[in-house]
């Protein structure tokens, strides 16, 4: 399983309140409103990519080739098949046990063993038992599943560890179901989730990302005003719109840079790639 940086998430209500307070004169006149704030926030998170979504874990129990996905599922990050194996191994040594039993002839007035000789009924019976020992082995095997053809089984990006998996077992995602090529088993998944407060999608509690969302919403507010402005005020509105657009673009670059910082898992993969990049030129003796 990979490591990842876990953001704290918070409601965007504080960002919305700040925008409405700073553009209070426009909201008081009714020229603009906050009805699309939630949609603008969603567009920001989509543009930043899956790193702006919370990462959760779940264990799926596959039954008849499928299992239900969590309600907050957005996209797969990792999918691991977890299989238990049980087998026995016979040890090369053995234990021998000897049993001795005394045999006594009974001859009397009412009973006499006719036709019996000492060879047929010896005084001592000796039995030797051989016992072989076995050892039970139990182990678990975990491996990445190969993604199927359905989107978003594994989007072609750096955030899906299954993209280059080569196992014989594969999976697809259809109708909020996790569908596999094996009939039963367990699958551990890390997935990007959708988390909401009462109304809006929650955002990473990180300064640069919140700054970008704020600047983007302000840009959109002045874009609305530019579409409503008369000729006398259009130039002023356009200048403000361009100013906030530049701020939003710069804020996006900073937020995107923050999102793409390497975590421990990506650093490990980069080191392995660098170390093994010339292996194809090695000539075995």
Protein backbone atom coordinates (compact mmCIF):
# COMPACT_ATOMS: atom_id res chain seq x y z
CA UNK A 1 0.00 0.00 0.00
CA UNK A 2 1.28 3.45 -0.83
CA UNK A 3 1.80 6.43 1.43
CA UNK A 4 0.16 9.77 0.72
CA UNK A 5 -0.12 13.23 2.19
CA UNK A 6 -3.45 13.55 3.92
CA UNK A 7 -5.05 16.99 3.73
CA UNK A 8 -7.50 18.24 6.28
CA UNK A 9 -10.77 19.31 4.67
CA UNK A 10 -13.08 22.13 5.61
CA UNK A 11 -16.31 23.76 4.49
CA UNK A 12 -16.00 26.51 1.84
CA UNK A 13 -18.55 28.68 3.68
CA UNK A 14 -15.81 30.95 5.04
CA UNK A 15 -14.52 31.57 1.51
CA UNK A 16 -18.03 32.39 0.32
CA UNK A 17 -18.60 34.78 3.24
CA UNK A 18 -15.31 36.56 2.51
CA UNK A 19 -16.16 37.04 -1.17
CA UNK A 20 -19.64 38.37 -0.38
CA UNK A 21 -18.26 40.80 2.19
CA UNK A 22 -15.54 42.15 -0.13
CA UNK A 23 -18.04 42.56 -3.00
CA UNK A 24 -20.82 43.70 -0.67
CA UNK A 25 -21.92 46.66 -2.79
CA UNK A 26 -22.57 44.43 -5.81
CA UNK A 27 -24.52 41.88 -3.76
CA UNK A 28 -26.61 44.58 -2.04
CA UNK A 29 -27.79 45.93 -5.39
CA UNK A 30 -28.66 42.43 -6.62
CA UNK A 31 -26.32 42.66 -9.59
CA UNK A 32 -24.74 39.33 -8.63
CA UNK A 33 -25.67 36.49 -6.28
CA UNK A 34 -24.09 33.41 -4.70
CA UNK A 35 -26.27 30.77 -6.36
CA UNK A 36 -23.35 29.34 -8.38
CA UNK A 37 -20.67 29.43 -5.67
CA UNK A 38 -20.90 25.67 -5.14
CA UNK A 39 -20.51 25.00 -8.88
CA UNK A 40 -17.50 27.34 -9.12
CA UNK A 41 -15.87 25.53 -6.19
CA UNK A 42 -16.46 22.19 -7.91
CA UNK A 43 -14.82 23.50 -11.09
CA UNK A 44 -11.76 24.58 -9.11
CA UNK A 45 -11.37 21.17 -7.54
CA UNK A 46 -11.82 19.45 -10.90
CA UNK A 47 -9.12 21.64 -12.42
CA UNK A 48 -6.71 20.87 -9.59
CA UNK A 49 -7.20 17.14 -10.10
CA UNK A 50 -7.76 14.23 -7.77
CA UNK A 51 -5.19 15.43 -5.24
CA UNK A 52 -7.84 17.87 -4.01
CA UNK A 53 -10.20 15.04 -3.01
CA UNK A 54 -10.11 13.20 0.33
CA UNK A 55 -8.59 9.69 0.25
CA UNK A 56 -10.43 6.93 2.11
CA UNK A 57 -10.00 3.17 2.48
CA UNK A 58 -12.46 0.30 2.33
CA UNK A 59 -12.46 -3.50 2.27
CA UNK A 60 -14.79 -4.99 -0.33
CA UNK A 61 -16.11 -8.54 -0.06
CA UNK A 62 -16.52 -9.87 -3.60
CA UNK A 63 -19.57 -12.09 -4.04
CA UNK A 64 -20.48 -13.46 -7.47
CA UNK A 65 -17.85 -11.24 -9.14
CA UNK A 66 -19.00 -7.91 -7.67
CA UNK A 67 -19.28 -5.73 -4.58
CA UNK A 68 -20.99 -2.41 -3.82
CA UNK A 69 -18.78 0.69 -3.69
CA UNK A 70 -18.95 3.20 -0.80
CA UNK A 71 -21.54 5.97 -1.10
CA UNK A 72 -18.88 8.71 -1.22
CA UNK A 73 -16.85 7.00 -3.98
CA UNK A 74 -15.39 9.27 -6.66
CA UNK A 75 -12.49 7.36 -8.29
CA UNK A 76 -10.07 4.52 -7.59
CA UNK A 77 -6.55 5.23 -6.36
CA UNK A 78 -5.44 1.65 -5.60
CA UNK A 79 -7.14 -1.76 -5.70
CA UNK A 80 -5.41 -4.76 -4.09
CA UNK A 81 -6.63 -8.35 -4.13
CA UNK A 82 -6.13 -10.01 -0.72
CA UNK A 83 -6.07 -13.81 -0.81
CA UNK A 84 -5.57 -16.34 2.01
CA UNK A 85 -3.79 -19.61 1.26
CA UNK A 86 -3.77 -22.81 3.37
CA UNK A 87 -1.67 -25.88 2.65
CA UNK A 88 0.07 -28.74 4.48
CA UNK A 89 3.59 -30.13 4.22
CA UNK A 90 4.64 -33.63 5.28
CA UNK A 91 7.84 -33.64 7.33
CA UNK A 92 10.59 -36.09 6.29
CA UNK A 93 10.83 -37.73 9.74
CA UNK A 94 8.37 -40.04 11.45
CA UNK A 95 7.55 -41.30 14.95
CA UNK A 96 7.53 -45.04 15.70
CA UNK A 97 5.45 -46.47 18.56
CA UNK A 98 5.76 -50.05 19.82
CA UNK A 99 2.90 -51.87 21.52
CA UNK A 100 3.34 -55.15 23.42
CA UNK A 101 0.38 -57.32 24.37
CA UNK A 102 0.58 -60.49 26.55
CA UNK A 103 -1.42 -63.45 25.28
CA UNK A 104 -2.44 -66.28 27.64
CA UNK A 105 -3.96 -69.60 26.63
CA UNK A 106 -7.00 -70.60 28.57
CA UNK A 107 -7.53 -74.37 28.84
CA UNK A 108 -10.15 -75.75 31.19
CA UNK A 109 -12.78 -78.37 31.68
CA UNK A 110 -15.30 -76.51 29.61
CA UNK A 111 -12.93 -75.03 27.02
CA UNK A 112 -9.89 -76.38 25.24
CA UNK A 113 -8.16 -74.84 22.23
CA UNK A 114 -7.99 -77.69 19.82
CA UNK A 115 -5.85 -77.30 16.75
CA UNK A 116 -4.01 -74.29 18.18
CA UNK A 117 -0.27 -74.33 18.19
CA UNK A 118 2.17 -72.01 19.90
CA UNK A 119 3.01 -70.45 16.52
CA UNK A 120 -0.63 -69.53 15.86
CA UNK A 121 -1.17 -68.09 19.30
CA UNK A 122 2.16 -66.70 20.59
CA UNK A 123 2.58 -65.61 24.18
CA UNK A 124 3.57 -62.01 23.23
CA UNK A 125 2.11 -59.89 20.39
CA UNK A 126 4.26 -56.98 19.25
CA UNK A 127 2.85 -54.11 17.06
CA UNK A 128 4.82 -51.16 15.69
CA UNK A 129 2.99 -48.03 14.50
CA UNK A 130 4.56 -45.40 12.21
CA UNK A 131 3.27 -41.81 12.49
CA UNK A 132 4.29 -39.14 9.95
CA UNK A 133 4.03 -35.47 10.98
CA UNK A 134 2.64 -32.63 8.88
CA UNK A 135 2.84 -28.86 9.25
CA UNK A 136 0.06 -26.46 8.24
CA UNK A 137 1.05 -23.31 6.38
CA UNK A 138 -1.15 -20.22 6.12
CA UNK A 139 -0.17 -17.03 4.32
CA UNK A 140 -1.65 -14.02 2.57
CA UNK A 141 -0.93 -12.73 -0.91
CA UNK A 142 -1.62 -9.13 -1.95
CA UNK A 143 -1.27 -7.83 -5.50
CA UNK A 144 -2.51 -4.95 -7.62
CA UNK A 145 -5.44 -5.71 -9.89
CA UNK A 146 -5.25 -4.88 -13.59
CA UNK A 147 -7.76 -2.17 -14.57
CA UNK A 148 -10.41 -2.98 -17.14
CA UNK A 149 -11.62 -0.80 -19.96
CA UNK A 150 -14.38 1.07 -18.12
CA UNK A 151 -13.78 4.65 -16.95
CA UNK A 152 -13.10 5.50 -14.16
CA UNK A 153 -11.67 2.03 -13.45
CA UNK A 154 -8.21 3.58 -13.55
CA UNK A 155 -7.74 6.97 -15.21
CA UNK A 156 -4.47 7.43 -17.08
CA UNK A 157 -2.76 9.67 -14.55
CA UNK A 158 -0.07 9.56 -11.88
CA UNK A 159 -2.59 9.10 -9.10
CA UNK A 160 -3.68 5.53 -9.98
CA UNK A 161 -1.22 2.83 -8.90
CA UNK A 162 -3.08 0.13 -10.87
CA UNK A 163 -2.41 1.69 -14.25
CA UNK A 164 0.70 -0.44 -14.96
CA UNK A 165 -0.38 -3.57 -13.06
CA UNK A 166 0.12 -6.88 -14.88
CA UNK A 167 -1.82 -9.40 -12.78
CA UNK A 168 -4.13 -11.99 -14.36
CA UNK A 169 -7.10 -10.70 -12.33
CA UNK A 170 -8.75 -7.47 -13.45
CA UNK A 171 -11.57 -5.20 -12.34
CA UNK A 172 -14.07 -2.72 -13.74
CA UNK A 173 -16.40 -0.15 -12.20
CA UNK A 174 -20.00 -0.12 -13.40
CA UNK A 175 -23.25 1.14 -11.87
CA UNK A 176 -21.53 1.89 -8.55
CA UNK A 177 -20.30 -1.73 -8.47
CA UNK A 178 -16.75 -3.04 -8.25
CA UNK A 179 -16.70 -5.92 -10.75
CA UNK A 180 -13.85 -8.48 -10.82
CA UNK A 181 -12.86 -11.48 -12.92
CA UNK A 182 -12.74 -13.73 -9.86
CA UNK A 183 -15.95 -14.96 -8.23
CA UNK A 184 -15.23 -14.49 -4.52
CA UNK A 185 -12.54 -12.85 -2.42
CA UNK A 186 -11.56 -9.64 -0.68
CA UNK A 187 -10.30 -6.42 -2.24
CA UNK A 188 -8.70 -3.54 -0.37
CA UNK A 189 -9.20 -0.17 -2.08
CA UNK A 190 -7.94 3.36 -1.58
CA UNK A 191 -10.33 5.74 -3.29
CA UNK A 192 -10.97 9.43 -3.81
CA UNK A 193 -14.17 10.43 -2.07
CA UNK A 194 -16.76 13.17 -2.31
CA UNK A 195 -17.30 14.87 1.04
CA UNK A 196 -19.95 17.53 1.60
CA UNK A 197 -21.08 19.74 4.40
CA UNK A 198 -24.78 20.54 4.41
CA UNK A 199 -24.73 21.81 0.82
CA UNK A 200 -21.24 22.26 -0.64
CA UNK A 201 -18.30 20.03 -1.44
CA UNK A 202 -15.57 20.35 1.18
CA UNK A 203 -12.19 21.78 0.13
CA UNK A 204 -8.61 21.12 1.31
CA UNK A 205 -7.73 23.22 4.34
CA UNK A 206 -4.61 24.57 2.63
CA UNK A 207 -3.92 28.29 2.22
CA UNK A 208 -2.94 28.37 -1.47
CA UNK A 209 -5.86 26.22 -2.57
CA UNK A 210 -8.36 28.39 -0.68
CA UNK A 211 -6.77 31.52 -2.16
CA UNK A 212 -7.25 30.07 -5.65
CA UNK A 213 -10.94 29.27 -5.03
CA UNK A 214 -11.52 32.79 -3.71
CA UNK A 215 -9.81 34.42 -6.71
CA UNK A 216 -11.68 32.20 -9.17
CA UNK A 217 -15.08 33.06 -7.68
CA UNK A 218 -14.27 36.80 -7.82
CA UNK A 219 -13.25 36.40 -11.46
CA UNK A 220 -16.56 34.73 -12.21
CA UNK A 221 -18.51 37.48 -10.42
CA UNK A 222 -16.96 40.17 -12.60
CA UNK A 223 -17.50 38.01 -15.67
CA UNK A 224 -21.20 38.08 -14.82
CA UNK A 225 -21.09 41.84 -14.36
CA UNK A 226 -19.34 42.30 -17.72
CA UNK A 227 -22.18 40.45 -19.44
CA UNK A 228 -24.74 42.75 -17.78
CA UNK A 229 -22.91 46.08 -17.97
CA UNK A 230 -23.95 49.03 -20.12
CA UNK A 231 -21.51 50.71 -22.49
CA UNK A 232 -20.65 53.41 -19.91
CA UNK A 233 -19.46 50.96 -17.28
CA UNK A 234 -18.28 48.04 -19.43
CA UNK A 235 -14.69 49.29 -19.63
CA UNK A 236 -14.40 49.59 -15.85
CA UNK A 237 -15.97 46.16 -15.31
CA UNK A 238 -13.72 44.63 -17.95
CA UNK A 239 -10.62 46.05 -16.28
CA UNK A 240 -11.67 44.60 -12.92
CA UNK A 241 -12.49 41.26 -14.55
CA UNK A 242 -9.08 41.02 -16.20
CA UNK A 243 -7.39 41.94 -12.93
CA UNK A 244 -9.18 39.19 -11.02
CA UNK A 245 -8.61 36.74 -13.87
CA UNK A 246 -4.86 37.33 -13.61
CA UNK A 247 -5.07 36.85 -9.86
CA UNK A 248 -7.00 33.59 -10.34
CA UNK A 249 -4.48 32.28 -12.89
CA UNK A 250 -1.56 33.05 -10.59
CA UNK A 251 -3.37 31.50 -7.64
CA UNK A 252 -4.04 28.37 -9.68
CA UNK A 253 -0.34 27.98 -10.49
CA UNK A 254 0.55 28.21 -6.81
CA UNK A 255 -2.23 25.79 -5.78
CA UNK A 256 -1.33 23.32 -8.54
CA UNK A 257 2.33 23.43 -7.50
CA UNK A 258 1.31 22.68 -3.93
CA UNK A 259 -0.79 19.74 -5.11
CA UNK A 260 2.04 18.23 -7.16
CA UNK A 261 4.62 18.17 -4.40
CA UNK A 262 6.08 14.69 -4.13
CA UNK A 263 4.99 12.55 -1.21
CA UNK A 264 7.10 9.70 0.17
CA UNK A 265 5.55 7.13 -2.16
CA UNK A 266 6.29 9.14 -5.33
CA UNK A 267 9.85 9.81 -4.20
CA UNK A 268 10.42 6.08 -3.72
CA UNK A 269 9.08 5.31 -7.19
CA UNK A 270 11.25 8.05 -8.73
CA UNK A 271 14.36 6.65 -7.03
CA UNK A 272 13.60 3.15 -8.32
CA UNK A 273 13.01 4.44 -11.86
CA UNK A 274 16.32 6.32 -11.82
CA UNK A 275 18.18 3.31 -10.43
CA UNK A 276 16.76 0.84 -12.96
CA UNK A 277 16.50 2.97 -16.09
CA UNK A 278 19.64 1.38 -17.66
CA UNK A 279 18.75 -2.22 -16.77
CA UNK A 280 17.64 -2.94 -20.34
CA UNK A 281 21.22 -2.43 -21.50
CA UNK A 282 22.66 -5.05 -19.10
CA UNK A 283 23.92 -8.15 -20.90
CA UNK A 284 23.64 -11.29 -18.83
CA UNK A 285 26.53 -13.78 -19.00
